[in-house]
């Protein structure tokens, strides 16, 4: 199991793209939350309100999720990163695998 994290400019865009990933069975579920972001952009420090998304999937879907996020994402340079889960409840892991297998 892996978690993939990205951010979006609006809640609506985050929901739209996460729902696409879900409907395409690339992910089993998602969480969206508002964040305060600070970062360097075009030579200066910028601060924004953004919406973070964590999507949950299997390691074998990672490249597909990255590719699809790059296709759909409104940012020219989006953060898309994955974190491998070291341990997970076996029942949850089984549910996750079943949710994305029948593609």
C-alpha atoms as a PDB file:
ATOM      1  CA  UNK A   1       0.000   0.000   0.000  1.00  0.00           C
ATOM      2  CA  UNK A   2       1.136   3.540  -0.742  1.00  0.00           C
ATOM      3  CA  UNK A   3      -0.174   7.019  -0.048  1.00  0.00           C
ATOM      4  CA  UNK A   4       0.127   9.603  -2.809  1.00  0.00           C
ATOM      5  CA  UNK A   5      -0.020  13.275  -1.855  1.00  0.00           C
ATOM      6  CA  UNK A   6      -0.776  16.269  -4.066  1.00  0.00           C
ATOM      7  CA  UNK A   7      -2.328  19.733  -3.743  1.00  0.00           C
ATOM      8  CA  UNK A   8      -4.931  21.639  -5.743  1.00  0.00           C
ATOM      9  CA  UNK A   9      -5.996  25.286  -6.034  1.00  0.00           C
ATOM     10  CA  UNK A  10      -9.648  24.589  -5.125  1.00  0.00           C
ATOM     11  CA  UNK A  11     -11.696  21.990  -3.310  1.00  0.00           C
ATOM     12  CA  UNK A  12     -13.790  21.493  -6.445  1.00  0.00           C
ATOM     13  CA  UNK A  13     -10.734  20.667  -8.589  1.00  0.00           C
ATOM     14  CA  UNK A  14      -9.424  18.278  -5.927  1.00  0.00           C
ATOM     15  CA  UNK A  15     -12.778  16.486  -5.773  1.00  0.00           C
ATOM     16  CA  UNK A  16     -13.090  16.356  -9.559  1.00  0.00           C
ATOM     17  CA  UNK A  17      -9.691  14.744 -10.091  1.00  0.00           C
ATOM     18  CA  UNK A  18      -9.898  12.389  -7.106  1.00  0.00           C
ATOM     19  CA  UNK A  19     -13.305  11.203  -8.280  1.00  0.00           C
ATOM     20  CA  UNK A  20     -11.841  10.449 -11.719  1.00  0.00           C
ATOM     21  CA  UNK A  21      -9.034   8.413 -10.154  1.00  0.00           C
ATOM     22  CA  UNK A  22     -11.594   6.580  -8.038  1.00  0.00           C
ATOM     23  CA  UNK A  23     -13.929   5.863 -10.962  1.00  0.00           C
ATOM     24  CA  UNK A  24     -10.985   4.539 -13.003  1.00  0.00           C
ATOM     25  CA  UNK A  25     -10.115   2.231 -10.077  1.00  0.00           C
ATOM     26  CA  UNK A  26      -6.617   3.657  -9.834  1.00  0.00           C
ATOM     27  CA  UNK A  27      -7.209   4.414  -6.145  1.00  0.00           C
ATOM     28  CA  UNK A  28      -9.341   2.879  -3.409  1.00  0.00           C
ATOM     29  CA  UNK A  29     -10.155   6.143  -1.605  1.00  0.00           C
ATOM     30  CA  UNK A  30      -9.102   9.740  -1.039  1.00  0.00           C
ATOM     31  CA  UNK A  31      -8.991  12.412   1.655  1.00  0.00           C
ATOM     32  CA  UNK A  32      -9.133  16.128   0.902  1.00  0.00           C
ATOM     33  CA  UNK A  33      -8.313  18.901   3.380  1.00  0.00           C
ATOM     34  CA  UNK A  34      -7.519  22.613   3.329  1.00  0.00           C
ATOM     35  CA  UNK A  35      -3.899  23.616   3.904  1.00  0.00           C
ATOM     36  CA  UNK A  36      -1.939  26.838   4.169  1.00  0.00           C
ATOM     37  CA  UNK A  37       0.988  26.569   1.764  1.00  0.00           C
ATOM     38  CA  UNK A  38       4.189  28.541   1.421  1.00  0.00           C
ATOM     39  CA  UNK A  39       6.647  27.973  -1.417  1.00  0.00           C
ATOM     40  CA  UNK A  40       9.081  29.518  -3.857  1.00  0.00           C
ATOM     41  CA  UNK A  41       7.524  30.358  -7.238  1.00  0.00           C
ATOM     42  CA  UNK A  42       9.051  32.429 -10.004  1.00  0.00           C
ATOM     43  CA  UNK A  43      11.791  33.803  -7.757  1.00  0.00           C
ATOM     44  CA  UNK A  44       9.714  34.831  -4.755  1.00  0.00           C
ATOM     45  CA  UNK A  45       7.977  33.368  -1.753  1.00  0.00           C
ATOM     46  CA  UNK A  46       4.273  32.784  -2.249  1.00  0.00           C
ATOM     47  CA  UNK A  47       1.602  31.839   0.285  1.00  0.00           C
ATOM     48  CA  UNK A  48      -1.756  30.345  -0.670  1.00  0.00           C
ATOM     49  CA  UNK A  49      -4.727  28.428   0.570  1.00  0.00           C
ATOM     50  CA  UNK A  50      -4.712  25.061  -1.185  1.00  0.00           C
ATOM     51  CA  UNK A  51      -6.447  21.732  -0.855  1.00  0.00           C
ATOM     52  CA  UNK A  52      -4.281  18.736  -0.120  1.00  0.00           C
ATOM     53  CA  UNK A  53      -5.292  15.286  -1.257  1.00  0.00           C
ATOM     54  CA  UNK A  54      -4.055  11.934  -0.032  1.00  0.00           C
ATOM     55  CA  UNK A  55      -5.025   9.019  -2.240  1.00  0.00           C
ATOM     56  CA  UNK A  56      -4.570   5.404  -1.229  1.00  0.00           C
ATOM     57  CA  UNK A  57      -3.568   2.696  -3.656  1.00  0.00           C
ATOM     58  CA  UNK A  58      -1.262  -0.275  -4.189  1.00  0.00           C
ATOM     59  CA  UNK A  59       2.383  -0.023  -5.214  1.00  0.00           C
ATOM     60  CA  UNK A  60       1.592  -1.624  -8.600  1.00  0.00           C
ATOM     61  CA  UNK A  61      -0.755   1.294  -9.449  1.00  0.00           C
ATOM     62  CA  UNK A  62       1.715   4.034  -8.474  1.00  0.00           C
ATOM     63  CA  UNK A  63       3.022   4.842 -11.981  1.00  0.00           C
ATOM     64  CA  UNK A  64      -0.529   4.884 -13.402  1.00  0.00           C
ATOM     65  CA  UNK A  65      -1.716   7.292 -10.698  1.00  0.00           C
ATOM     66  CA  UNK A  66       1.298   9.584 -11.209  1.00  0.00           C
ATOM     67  CA  UNK A  67       0.718   9.610 -14.984  1.00  0.00           C
ATOM     68  CA  UNK A  68      -3.005  10.321 -14.641  1.00  0.00           C
ATOM     69  CA  UNK A  69      -2.455  13.066 -12.076  1.00  0.00           C
ATOM     70  CA  UNK A  70       0.042  14.766 -14.414  1.00  0.00           C
ATOM     71  CA  UNK A  71      -2.531  14.600 -17.239  1.00  0.00           C
ATOM     72  CA  UNK A  72      -5.370  16.034 -15.163  1.00  0.00           C
ATOM     73  CA  UNK A  73      -3.589  18.452 -12.818  1.00  0.00           C
ATOM     74  CA  UNK A  74      -4.142  22.205 -13.290  1.00  0.00           C
ATOM     75  CA  UNK A  75      -0.667  23.143 -11.958  1.00  0.00           C
ATOM     76  CA  UNK A  76       2.281  23.255 -14.362  1.00  0.00           C
ATOM     77  CA  UNK A  77       4.539  21.785 -11.638  1.00  0.00           C
ATOM     78  CA  UNK A  78       2.347  19.865  -9.191  1.00  0.00           C
ATOM     79  CA  UNK A  79       3.657  18.106  -6.127  1.00  0.00           C
ATOM     80  CA  UNK A  80       2.991  14.410  -6.636  1.00  0.00           C
ATOM     81  CA  UNK A  81       4.788  12.186  -4.149  1.00  0.00           C
ATOM     82  CA  UNK A  82       4.296   8.753  -2.716  1.00  0.00           C
ATOM     83  CA  UNK A  83       4.972   7.277   0.682  1.00  0.00           C
ATOM     84  CA  UNK A  84       5.134   3.535   1.107  1.00  0.00           C
ATOM     85  CA  UNK A  85       3.117   2.321   4.077  1.00  0.00           C
ATOM     86  CA  UNK A  86       5.220   0.187   6.417  1.00  0.00           C
ATOM     87  CA  UNK A  87       2.322  -1.567   8.116  1.00  0.00           C
ATOM     88  CA  UNK A  88      -1.428  -1.575   7.661  1.00  0.00           C
ATOM     89  CA  UNK A  89      -4.366  -3.448   9.146  1.00  0.00           C
ATOM     90  CA  UNK A  90      -4.826  -6.638   7.108  1.00  0.00           C
ATOM     91  CA  UNK A  91      -8.593  -6.150   6.675  1.00  0.00           C
ATOM     92  CA  UNK A  92      -8.042  -2.625   5.334  1.00  0.00           C
ATOM     93  CA  UNK A  93      -5.278  -3.837   3.030  1.00  0.00           C
ATOM     94  CA  UNK A  94      -7.539  -6.550   1.624  1.00  0.00           C
ATOM     95  CA  UNK A  95     -10.360  -4.026   1.061  1.00  0.00           C
ATOM     96  CA  UNK A  96      -7.940  -1.668  -0.703  1.00  0.00           C
ATOM     97  CA  UNK A  97      -6.681  -4.403  -3.020  1.00  0.00           C
ATOM     98  CA  UNK A  98     -10.206  -5.582  -3.840  1.00  0.00           C
ATOM     99  CA  UNK A  99     -11.266  -1.996  -4.572  1.00  0.00           C
ATOM    100  CA  UNK A 100      -8.683  -1.456  -7.296  1.00  0.00           C
ATOM    101  CA  UNK A 101      -8.272  -4.957  -8.736  1.00  0.00           C
ATOM    102  CA  UNK A 102     -11.388  -5.225 -10.872  1.00  0.00           C
ATOM    103  CA  UNK A 103     -10.308  -2.620 -13.384  1.00  0.00           C
END
